[in-house]
Amino acid sequence: LFRSDRACVCLPCISSLSAMALQELQRKMVSAQTSLAQIEKEHSSRQAELSTQQSKLDQIGSDNLVLLSERRRAEQLCKDRSRTVDEWCHIAREKSREKQEVLRLLARVEDEEVQAQLQLKKAAIERSHAARQEKESDERLQLGERQATICRDRKQTLEQELQRIKVDLGEWRDKARAAEQAYDQAKDALPAAGTGGTEAHSSHDAGPEPGPSDRNVRARTEPLPRTHSLQTWTVAMIFSATTGRLEHRHCIASDPSNTQRFIAHLDTGLAGITRISRPAFAALGLEGSPVQGIVELQERGRLQRCAVHRIKFSLDNVNQVEEGNVHLQFTVDAAVVDGGRRPWEQGYYDLRLNTETVKKVSE
């Protein structure tokens, strides 16, 4: 043991530490030799690059000498050509003055040509405007004639309808008078049948029990209310040109195997013309019917040009107002509209009656 004031160290430990240090030194020497070899290799490559650079510099020097000689020859050539250019510049200035004079003359001619073209265009525009005005006046005249024809036809139709209504009214008045007379005769004949004792007089005072014939007479003589309360949405029957009668069903375009009733909407806020959907119009075979006119309508948020046709229809809830009137028909002019809703969507309709028609069917 080696003893000192601060520590005690074993000699075998010192020898092992020395061996380890020696191995470490050997590793460092090997690493240093490897690094030295790498450095020598890089040095040799750098030397090769330097030699290559030197050869390139020598080549560039020789090229510069050649370029210098070429430059001197080019400078001499430029001096010779500059004298030629000065001569050509003088000639060019002379030609430029001549060119400017020609351009001024050409501009004057072009101005005169433009003025002539403008006058021709103005004359053509005036002729076109006059032809357009003449065409528009002819179209307005034709439109006025068509509207006058439509108004005359409508007036004749309304007069015929009014005459028919007057005839029907006279017939109903005659029927009402006859019913009143029959009722008065039946009422006068009732007291003669009431003879007997006190019971007979008491039964006569209480009034006879009306029979079925009396109820029918009274039902015929009592006037109907002037207007009837109708549902806003109902089912309808519309005249079909294919079958020649009122139809109450039509095929669904998306599913021809299924049919549905005609849906009518009594729109009391519709001030315009009555409208019929194009699927219902086509299903009824009315496309070949005469066109009464053309109107522009705002339908489903867009403007449409719609053909107007005359149709016949009947509402179920109107027929139910008067017993026995199975087909109380109405004739109106209706516009054929596109872009309606599908049958299963809310707001779908086949026939949309305007305020005037709703008033007529409810009276």
Foldseek 3Di string as FASTA:
>chain_A
DDDDPPDDDDPVVVVVVVVVVVVVVVVVVVVVVVVVVVVVVVVVVVVVVVVVVVVVVVVVVVVVVVVVVVVVVVVVVVVVVVVVVVVVVVVVVVVVVVVVVVVVVVVVVVVVVVVVVVVVVVVVVVVVVVVVVVVVVVVVVVVVVLVVVLVVVVVVVVVVVVVVVVVVVVVLVVVLVVLVVVLVVVVVPVVVVQDDDPVSVVCVVVPDDDDPVNVVSVVSNDDADPFADDDQKFFKWWAAPVVRGTHQWFAFPVGRVDIDGAMEGADLPFPDFKAFEPVVCVRSVVPPADFSDWDWDQDPNDIDIWTKGKIKMATCVLCVSDPPNRGPIDIGIYTYDYDADGPVDPPGGRIYHYNVVSSVSRD
